[in-house]
């Protein structure tokens, strides 16, 4: 494909992903109020345990509308994850042979559950994280939280967890497609650790070190798990090639 053809392909897949997200956002607009009520539970729990007053405020006239739109789009991203994950993979690996197209199904079968699992982990960690951070509030004081900041904090946590859980799947699938070797992935472990730590430090909504480590550690575990799977696949591939060459020699 020429550069212009690649750009047209990118635009086509991008528009498909955007359309799927917008459809999901339509469902998210209806569910936004229910999700917001769930987001308020950690604040209520923290206020009840500490005895302090915690107030969620709206700083502008359009804040409630902006917040509902943000929640709807985030829900749309989650619901449309099978579509946009497939579009990303199909654009990266467009020239697979018929036999190798099974990698696409393997990628989707692993990436979609991992992305959703990462979002669920972020949702489950969020209440305890909010309670721990609010526990530092001095006694007999009022915590005046901006609604936009609080919701942005929670949504970023969920999205970062989801994306972080999917990244190792790309490495494994690129190895299965013959693009990367297990040793090649392992050689970059220092860069991978630096990239993961930098990624979590830049994207984790909380500024404390514990929040960053809570996300970085699972990503590191998944990275080295991906390395192990890739190296096992390389050994299996090498044995298969050796057996094929040996059979050719016997035939000759």
C-alpha atoms as a PDB file:
ATOM      1  CA  UNK A   1       0.000   0.000   0.000  1.00  0.00           C
ATOM      2  CA  UNK A   2       1.128   3.542  -0.731  1.00  0.00           C
ATOM      3  CA  UNK A   3       1.239   6.224   1.967  1.00  0.00           C
ATOM      4  CA  UNK A   4      -2.022   7.717   0.673  1.00  0.00           C
ATOM      5  CA  UNK A   5      -3.690   4.285   0.840  1.00  0.00           C
ATOM      6  CA  UNK A   6      -2.455   3.804   4.418  1.00  0.00           C
ATOM      7  CA  UNK A   7      -3.873   7.202   5.375  1.00  0.00           C
ATOM      8  CA  UNK A   8      -7.231   6.371   3.792  1.00  0.00           C
ATOM      9  CA  UNK A   9      -7.251   3.047   5.625  1.00  0.00           C
ATOM     10  CA  UNK A  10      -6.439   4.841   8.891  1.00  0.00           C
ATOM     11  CA  UNK A  11      -9.244   7.341   8.316  1.00  0.00           C
ATOM     12  CA  UNK A  12     -11.748   4.579   7.526  1.00  0.00           C
ATOM     13  CA  UNK A  13     -10.925   2.580  10.642  1.00  0.00           C
ATOM     14  CA  UNK A  14     -10.838   5.725  12.775  1.00  0.00           C
ATOM     15  CA  UNK A  15     -14.343   6.721  11.609  1.00  0.00           C
ATOM     16  CA  UNK A  16     -15.666   3.228  12.335  1.00  0.00           C
ATOM     17  CA  UNK A  17     -14.214   3.376  15.861  1.00  0.00           C
ATOM     18  CA  UNK A  18     -15.624   6.872  16.448  1.00  0.00           C
ATOM     19  CA  UNK A  19     -19.078   5.831  15.236  1.00  0.00           C
ATOM     20  CA  UNK A  20     -19.072   2.822  17.586  1.00  0.00           C
ATOM     21  CA  UNK A  21     -18.034   5.031  20.510  1.00  0.00           C
ATOM     22  CA  UNK A  22     -20.806   7.524  19.725  1.00  0.00           C
ATOM     23  CA  UNK A  23     -23.382   4.719  19.665  1.00  0.00           C
ATOM     24  CA  UNK A  24     -22.075   3.518  23.018  1.00  0.00           C
ATOM     25  CA  UNK A  25     -22.166   7.092  24.305  1.00  0.00           C
ATOM     26  CA  UNK A  26     -25.881   7.186  23.498  1.00  0.00           C
ATOM     27  CA  UNK A  27     -26.368   4.333  25.932  1.00  0.00           C
ATOM     28  CA  UNK A  28     -23.956   6.022  28.321  1.00  0.00           C
ATOM     29  CA  UNK A  29     -26.025   9.221  28.328  1.00  0.00           C
ATOM     30  CA  UNK A  30     -28.958   7.242  29.718  1.00  0.00           C
ATOM     31  CA  UNK A  31     -26.788   5.394  32.281  1.00  0.00           C
ATOM     32  CA  UNK A  32     -24.700   8.424  33.358  1.00  0.00           C
ATOM     33  CA  UNK A  33     -26.891   9.343  36.337  1.00  0.00           C
ATOM     34  CA  UNK A  34     -26.766   5.810  37.717  1.00  0.00           C
ATOM     35  CA  UNK A  35     -22.970   5.685  37.336  1.00  0.00           C
ATOM     36  CA  UNK A  36     -22.645   9.048  39.052  1.00  0.00           C
ATOM     37  CA  UNK A  37     -24.585   7.775  42.051  1.00  0.00           C
ATOM     38  CA  UNK A  38     -22.093   4.922  42.291  1.00  0.00           C
ATOM     39  CA  UNK A  39     -19.222   7.405  42.206  1.00  0.00           C
ATOM     40  CA  UNK A  40     -20.684   9.223  45.208  1.00  0.00           C
ATOM     41  CA  UNK A  41     -20.585   6.168  47.484  1.00  0.00           C
ATOM     42  CA  UNK A  42     -16.857   6.460  48.412  1.00  0.00           C
ATOM     43  CA  UNK A  43     -17.365  10.111  49.405  1.00  0.00           C
ATOM     44  CA  UNK A  44     -20.317   9.226  51.606  1.00  0.00           C
ATOM     45  CA  UNK A  45     -18.376   6.361  53.199  1.00  0.00           C
ATOM     46  CA  UNK A  46     -15.332   8.543  53.850  1.00  0.00           C
ATOM     47  CA  UNK A  47     -17.513  11.254  55.409  1.00  0.00           C
ATOM     48  CA  UNK A  48     -19.279   8.739  57.646  1.00  0.00           C
ATOM     49  CA  UNK A  49     -16.013   7.157  58.844  1.00  0.00           C
ATOM     50  CA  UNK A  50     -14.130  10.407  59.472  1.00  0.00           C
ATOM     51  CA  UNK A  51     -17.054  12.453  60.784  1.00  0.00           C
ATOM     52  CA  UNK A  52     -15.928  15.357  58.603  1.00  0.00           C
ATOM     53  CA  UNK A  53     -18.059  17.117  56.054  1.00  0.00           C
ATOM     54  CA  UNK A  54     -17.277  16.378  52.393  1.00  0.00           C
ATOM     55  CA  UNK A  55     -19.063  18.527  49.829  1.00  0.00           C
ATOM     56  CA  UNK A  56     -19.159  18.004  46.051  1.00  0.00           C
ATOM     57  CA  UNK A  57     -19.506  21.360  44.300  1.00  0.00           C
ATOM     58  CA  UNK A  58     -20.277  22.534  40.779  1.00  0.00           C
ATOM     59  CA  UNK A  59     -18.055  25.465  39.851  1.00  0.00           C
ATOM     60  CA  UNK A  60     -19.745  26.584  36.605  1.00  0.00           C
ATOM     61  CA  UNK A  61     -23.237  26.717  35.142  1.00  0.00           C
ATOM     62  CA  UNK A  62     -22.419  24.061  32.518  1.00  0.00           C
ATOM     63  CA  UNK A  63     -20.549  21.725  34.875  1.00  0.00           C
ATOM     64  CA  UNK A  64     -23.408  19.248  35.268  1.00  0.00           C
ATOM     65  CA  UNK A  65     -23.889  19.022  31.484  1.00  0.00           C
ATOM     66  CA  UNK A  66     -20.138  18.676  30.855  1.00  0.00           C
ATOM     67  CA  UNK A  67     -19.900  15.966  33.488  1.00  0.00           C
ATOM     68  CA  UNK A  68     -22.806  13.999  32.052  1.00  0.00           C
ATOM     69  CA  UNK A  69     -21.227  14.225  28.592  1.00  0.00           C
ATOM     70  CA  UNK A  70     -17.874  13.038  29.960  1.00  0.00           C
ATOM     71  CA  UNK A  71     -19.483  10.066  31.679  1.00  0.00           C
ATOM     72  CA  UNK A  72     -21.452   9.194  28.537  1.00  0.00           C
ATOM     73  CA  UNK A  73     -18.322   9.254  26.345  1.00  0.00           C
ATOM     74  CA  UNK A  74     -16.357   7.139  28.815  1.00  0.00           C
ATOM     75  CA  UNK A  75     -19.136   4.558  28.953  1.00  0.00           C
ATOM     76  CA  UNK A  76     -19.186   4.650  25.152  1.00  0.00           C
ATOM     77  CA  UNK A  77     -15.438   3.907  25.014  1.00  0.00           C
ATOM     78  CA  UNK A  78     -15.906   0.915  27.316  1.00  0.00           C
ATOM     79  CA  UNK A  79     -18.944  -0.465  25.475  1.00  0.00           C
ATOM     80  CA  UNK A  80     -17.318   0.017  22.056  1.00  0.00           C
ATOM     81  CA  UNK A  81     -14.000  -1.548  23.114  1.00  0.00           C
ATOM     82  CA  UNK A  82     -14.481  -4.676  20.929  1.00  0.00           C
ATOM     83  CA  UNK A  83     -14.862  -2.453  17.856  1.00  0.00           C
ATOM     84  CA  UNK A  84     -12.002   0.003  18.356  1.00  0.00           C
ATOM     85  CA  UNK A  85      -9.606  -2.667  19.629  1.00  0.00           C
ATOM     86  CA  UNK A  86     -10.251  -4.657  16.468  1.00  0.00           C
ATOM     87  CA  UNK A  87      -9.740  -1.572  14.290  1.00  0.00           C
ATOM     88  CA  UNK A  88      -6.367  -0.863  15.938  1.00  0.00           C
ATOM     89  CA  UNK A  89      -5.200  -4.445  15.482  1.00  0.00           C
ATOM     90  CA  UNK A  90      -6.466  -4.706  11.899  1.00  0.00           C
ATOM     91  CA  UNK A  91      -4.599  -1.516  10.952  1.00  0.00           C
ATOM     92  CA  UNK A  92      -1.329  -2.657  12.576  1.00  0.00           C
ATOM     93  CA  UNK A  93      -1.396  -6.150  11.008  1.00  0.00           C
ATOM     94  CA  UNK A  94      -3.248  -5.784   7.674  1.00  0.00           C
ATOM     95  CA  UNK A  95      -1.405  -8.460   5.641  1.00  0.00           C
ATOM     96  CA  UNK A  96      -1.984 -11.637   7.600  1.00  0.00           C
ATOM     97  CA  UNK A  97      -2.353 -14.903   5.705  1.00  0.00           C
ATOM     98  CA  UNK A  98      -5.533 -16.895   6.062  1.00  0.00           C
ATOM     99  CA  UNK A  99      -3.984 -19.209   8.668  1.00  0.00           C
ATOM    100  CA  UNK A 100      -2.529 -16.286  10.591  1.00  0.00           C
ATOM    101  CA  UNK A 101      -5.870 -14.490  10.865  1.00  0.00           C
ATOM    102  CA  UNK A 102      -6.564 -16.645  13.882  1.00  0.00           C
ATOM    103  CA  UNK A 103      -4.220 -14.274  15.723  1.00  0.00           C
ATOM    104  CA  UNK A 104      -6.852 -11.579  15.293  1.00  0.00           C
ATOM    105  CA  UNK A 105      -9.421 -13.693  17.104  1.00  0.00           C
ATOM    106  CA  UNK A 106      -6.822 -14.545  19.748  1.00  0.00           C
ATOM    107  CA  UNK A 107      -6.019 -10.862  20.184  1.00  0.00           C
ATOM    108  CA  UNK A 108      -9.659  -9.891  20.569  1.00  0.00           C
ATOM    109  CA  UNK A 109     -10.325 -12.853  22.834  1.00  0.00           C
ATOM    110  CA  UNK A 110      -7.562 -11.680  25.189  1.00  0.00           C
ATOM    111  CA  UNK A 111      -7.595  -7.893  24.763  1.00  0.00           C
ATOM    112  CA  UNK A 112     -11.305  -7.282  25.283  1.00  0.00           C
ATOM    113  CA  UNK A 113     -11.589  -9.212  28.583  1.00  0.00           C
ATOM    114  CA  UNK A 114      -8.329  -7.681  29.820  1.00  0.00           C
ATOM    115  CA  UNK A 115      -9.472  -4.145  28.978  1.00  0.00           C
ATOM    116  CA  UNK A 116     -12.780  -4.689  30.729  1.00  0.00           C
ATOM    117  CA  UNK A 117     -10.993  -6.384  33.635  1.00  0.00           C
ATOM    118  CA  UNK A 118      -8.675  -3.391  33.932  1.00  0.00           C
ATOM    119  CA  UNK A 119     -11.675  -1.045  34.055  1.00  0.00           C
ATOM    120  CA  UNK A 120     -13.281  -3.241  36.707  1.00  0.00           C
ATOM    121  CA  UNK A 121     -10.042  -3.238  38.737  1.00  0.00           C
ATOM    122  CA  UNK A 122      -9.969   0.552  38.535  1.00  0.00           C
ATOM    123  CA  UNK A 123     -13.597   0.685  39.688  1.00  0.00           C
ATOM    124  CA  UNK A 124     -12.921  -1.693  42.582  1.00  0.00           C
ATOM    125  CA  UNK A 125      -9.738   0.090  43.678  1.00  0.00           C
ATOM    126  CA  UNK A 126     -11.306   3.537  43.386  1.00  0.00           C
ATOM    127  CA  UNK A 127     -13.467   3.506  46.566  1.00  0.00           C
ATOM    128  CA  UNK A 128     -10.610   2.448  48.831  1.00  0.00           C
ATOM    129  CA  UNK A 129      -8.214   4.872  47.145  1.00  0.00           C
ATOM    130  CA  UNK A 130     -10.655   7.769  47.611  1.00  0.00           C
ATOM    131  CA  UNK A 131     -11.208   6.840  51.250  1.00  0.00           C
ATOM    132  CA  UNK A 132      -7.459   6.625  51.942  1.00  0.00           C
ATOM    133  CA  UNK A 133      -6.733   9.983  50.321  1.00  0.00           C
ATOM    134  CA  UNK A 134      -9.628  11.689  52.118  1.00  0.00           C
ATOM    135  CA  UNK A 135      -8.531  10.180  55.434  1.00  0.00           C
ATOM    136  CA  UNK A 136      -5.728  12.769  55.556  1.00  0.00           C
ATOM    137  CA  UNK A 137      -8.332  15.504  55.908  1.00  0.00           C
ATOM    138  CA  UNK A 138      -7.847  17.281  59.279  1.00  0.00           C
ATOM    139  CA  UNK A 139     -10.600  16.876  61.841  1.00  0.00           C
ATOM    140  CA  UNK A 140     -13.469  19.366  61.977  1.00  0.00           C
ATOM    141  CA  UNK A 141     -12.817  20.639  58.463  1.00  0.00           C
ATOM    142  CA  UNK A 142     -14.850  20.698  55.237  1.00  0.00           C
ATOM    143  CA  UNK A 143     -13.529  19.073  52.059  1.00  0.00           C
ATOM    144  CA  UNK A 144     -14.896  21.053  49.116  1.00  0.00           C
ATOM    145  CA  UNK A 145     -14.370  18.784  46.096  1.00  0.00           C
ATOM    146  CA  UNK A 146     -15.021  19.983  42.562  1.00  0.00           C
ATOM    147  CA  UNK A 147     -17.331  17.541  40.806  1.00  0.00           C
ATOM    148  CA  UNK A 148     -15.422  17.780  37.532  1.00  0.00           C
ATOM    149  CA  UNK A 149     -12.067  17.044  39.183  1.00  0.00           C
ATOM    150  CA  UNK A 150     -13.443  14.133  41.204  1.00  0.00           C
ATOM    151  CA  UNK A 151     -15.132  12.409  38.251  1.00  0.00           C
ATOM    152  CA  UNK A 152     -12.081  13.042  36.073  1.00  0.00           C
ATOM    153  CA  UNK A 153      -9.961  11.394  38.777  1.00  0.00           C
ATOM    154  CA  UNK A 154     -12.121   8.262  38.776  1.00  0.00           C
ATOM    155  CA  UNK A 155     -12.505   7.965  34.998  1.00  0.00           C
ATOM    156  CA  UNK A 156      -8.778   8.401  34.376  1.00  0.00           C
ATOM    157  CA  UNK A 157      -8.048   5.692  36.908  1.00  0.00           C
ATOM    158  CA  UNK A 158     -10.388   3.262  35.153  1.00  0.00           C
ATOM    159  CA  UNK A 159      -9.186   4.056  31.623  1.00  0.00           C
ATOM    160  CA  UNK A 160      -5.508   3.847  32.587  1.00  0.00           C
ATOM    161  CA  UNK A 161      -6.087   0.459  34.232  1.00  0.00           C
ATOM    162  CA  UNK A 162      -7.925  -0.796  31.149  1.00  0.00           C
ATOM    163  CA  UNK A 163      -5.269   0.378  28.670  1.00  0.00           C
ATOM    164  CA  UNK A 164      -2.446  -0.828  30.912  1.00  0.00           C
ATOM    165  CA  UNK A 165      -3.883  -4.348  30.993  1.00  0.00           C
ATOM    166  CA  UNK A 166      -4.149  -4.493  27.183  1.00  0.00           C
ATOM    167  CA  UNK A 167      -0.619  -3.368  26.215  1.00  0.00           C
ATOM    168  CA  UNK A 168       1.081  -6.757  26.931  1.00  0.00           C
ATOM    169  CA  UNK A 169      -1.407  -8.448  24.604  1.00  0.00           C
ATOM    170  CA  UNK A 170      -0.027  -6.393  21.709  1.00  0.00           C
ATOM    171  CA  UNK A 171       3.448  -7.745  22.444  1.00  0.00           C
ATOM    172  CA  UNK A 172       2.265 -11.367  22.527  1.00  0.00           C
ATOM    173  CA  UNK A 173       0.250 -11.063  19.334  1.00  0.00           C
ATOM    174  CA  UNK A 174       3.119  -9.340  17.500  1.00  0.00           C
ATOM    175  CA  UNK A 175       5.305 -12.256  18.566  1.00  0.00           C
ATOM    176  CA  UNK A 176       2.768 -14.800  17.302  1.00  0.00           C
ATOM    177  CA  UNK A 177       2.644 -12.893  14.020  1.00  0.00           C
ATOM    178  CA  UNK A 178       6.439 -13.143  13.729  1.00  0.00           C
ATOM    179  CA  UNK A 179       7.095  -9.416  14.108  1.00  0.00           C
ATOM    180  CA  UNK A 180       8.845  -9.578  17.509  1.00  0.00           C
ATOM    181  CA  UNK A 181      10.841 -12.332  19.184  1.00  0.00           C
ATOM    182  CA  UNK A 182      10.657 -13.184  22.872  1.00  0.00           C
ATOM    183  CA  UNK A 183      14.336 -12.323  23.323  1.00  0.00           C
ATOM    184  CA  UNK A 184      13.778  -9.038  21.529  1.00  0.00           C
ATOM    185  CA  UNK A 185      10.970  -8.154  23.932  1.00  0.00           C
ATOM    186  CA  UNK A 186      13.095  -9.206  26.918  1.00  0.00           C
ATOM    187  CA  UNK A 187      16.081  -7.133  25.775  1.00  0.00           C
ATOM    188  CA  UNK A 188      13.979  -4.016  26.183  1.00  0.00           C
ATOM    189  CA  UNK A 189      13.003  -4.755  29.796  1.00  0.00           C
ATOM    190  CA  UNK A 190      14.814  -1.677  31.130  1.00  0.00           C
ATOM    191  CA  UNK A 191      13.048   0.556  28.621  1.00  0.00           C
ATOM    192  CA  UNK A 192       9.760  -1.223  29.383  1.00  0.00           C
ATOM    193  CA  UNK A 193      10.089  -0.615  33.124  1.00  0.00           C
ATOM    194  CA  UNK A 194      10.964   3.031  32.531  1.00  0.00           C
ATOM    195  CA  UNK A 195       8.064   3.427  30.109  1.00  0.00           C
ATOM    196  CA  UNK A 196       5.582   1.762  32.483  1.00  0.00           C
ATOM    197  CA  UNK A 197       6.689   3.856  35.457  1.00  0.00           C
ATOM    198  CA  UNK A 198       6.583   7.040  33.368  1.00  0.00           C
ATOM    199  CA  UNK A 199       3.184   6.095  31.945  1.00  0.00           C
ATOM    200  CA  UNK A 200       1.675   5.431  35.363  1.00  0.00           C
ATOM    201  CA  UNK A 201       3.243   8.546  36.879  1.00  0.00           C
ATOM    202  CA  UNK A 202       1.859  10.721  34.082  1.00  0.00           C
ATOM    203  CA  UNK A 203      -1.606   9.205  33.862  1.00  0.00           C
ATOM    204  CA  UNK A 204      -2.469   8.103  37.401  1.00  0.00           C
ATOM    205  CA  UNK A 205      -4.914  10.749  38.653  1.00  0.00           C
ATOM    206  CA  UNK A 206      -3.637  10.646  42.235  1.00  0.00           C
ATOM    207  CA  UNK A 207      -0.244  12.212  42.940  1.00  0.00           C
ATOM    208  CA  UNK A 208       0.857   9.768  45.657  1.00  0.00           C
ATOM    209  CA  UNK A 209       3.442   7.032  45.085  1.00  0.00           C
ATOM    210  CA  UNK A 210       1.132   4.238  46.292  1.00  0.00           C
ATOM    211  CA  UNK A 211      -1.432   4.924  43.571  1.00  0.00           C
ATOM    212  CA  UNK A 212       1.293   4.828  40.937  1.00  0.00           C
ATOM    213  CA  UNK A 213       2.707   1.534  42.253  1.00  0.00           C
ATOM    214  CA  UNK A 214      -0.765   0.013  42.488  1.00  0.00           C
ATOM    215  CA  UNK A 215      -1.004   0.365  38.712  1.00  0.00           C
ATOM    216  CA  UNK A 216       2.659  -0.119  37.755  1.00  0.00           C
ATOM    217  CA  UNK A 217       3.096  -3.475  39.528  1.00  0.00           C
ATOM    218  CA  UNK A 218       0.266  -5.321  37.681  1.00  0.00           C
ATOM    219  CA  UNK A 219       1.501  -3.873  34.374  1.00  0.00           C
ATOM    220  CA  UNK A 220       5.041  -5.114  35.072  1.00  0.00           C
ATOM    221  CA  UNK A 221       3.703  -8.567  35.958  1.00  0.00           C
ATOM    222  CA  UNK A 222       1.713  -8.676  32.708  1.00  0.00           C
ATOM    223  CA  UNK A 223       4.770  -7.488  30.747  1.00  0.00           C
ATOM    224  CA  UNK A 224       7.006 -10.295  32.027  1.00  0.00           C
ATOM    225  CA  UNK A 225       4.147 -12.762  31.564  1.00  0.00           C
ATOM    226  CA  UNK A 226       3.987 -11.631  27.927  1.00  0.00           C
ATOM    227  CA  UNK A 227       7.762 -12.183  27.654  1.00  0.00           C
ATOM    228  CA  UNK A 228       7.377 -15.729  29.008  1.00  0.00           C
ATOM    229  CA  UNK A 229       4.577 -16.579  26.572  1.00  0.00           C
ATOM    230  CA  UNK A 230       6.555 -15.124  23.655  1.00  0.00           C
ATOM    231  CA  UNK A 231       9.676 -17.135  24.513  1.00  0.00           C
ATOM    232  CA  UNK A 232       7.670 -20.342  24.834  1.00  0.00           C
ATOM    233  CA  UNK A 233       6.140 -19.649  21.434  1.00  0.00           C
ATOM    234  CA  UNK A 234       9.627 -19.045  19.955  1.00  0.00           C
ATOM    235  CA  UNK A 235      10.801 -22.418  21.272  1.00  0.00           C
ATOM    236  CA  UNK A 236       7.757 -24.145  19.854  1.00  0.00           C
ATOM    237  CA  UNK A 237       8.316 -22.443  16.505  1.00  0.00           C
ATOM    238  CA  UNK A 238      12.013 -23.397  16.502  1.00  0.00           C
ATOM    239  CA  UNK A 239      11.188 -27.058  17.222  1.00  0.00           C
ATOM    240  CA  UNK A 240       8.648 -27.052  14.417  1.00  0.00           C
ATOM    241  CA  UNK A 241      11.162 -25.591  11.958  1.00  0.00           C
ATOM    242  CA  UNK A 242      13.831 -28.088  13.052  1.00  0.00           C
ATOM    243  CA  UNK A 243      11.434 -30.972  12.549  1.00  0.00           C
ATOM    244  CA  UNK A 244      10.483 -29.619   9.130  1.00  0.00           C
ATOM    245  CA  UNK A 245      14.130 -29.321   8.052  1.00  0.00           C
ATOM    246  CA  UNK A 246      14.869 -32.816   9.354  1.00  0.00           C
ATOM    247  CA  UNK A 247      11.978 -34.268   7.395  1.00  0.00           C
ATOM    248  CA  UNK A 248      13.245 -32.547   4.232  1.00  0.00           C
ATOM    249  CA  UNK A 249      16.711 -34.051   4.736  1.00  0.00           C
ATOM    250  CA  UNK A 250      15.244 -37.532   5.232  1.00  0.00           C
ATOM    251  CA  UNK A 251      13.173 -37.132   2.083  1.00  0.00           C
ATOM    252  CA  UNK A 252      16.214 -36.123   0.058  1.00  0.00           C
END
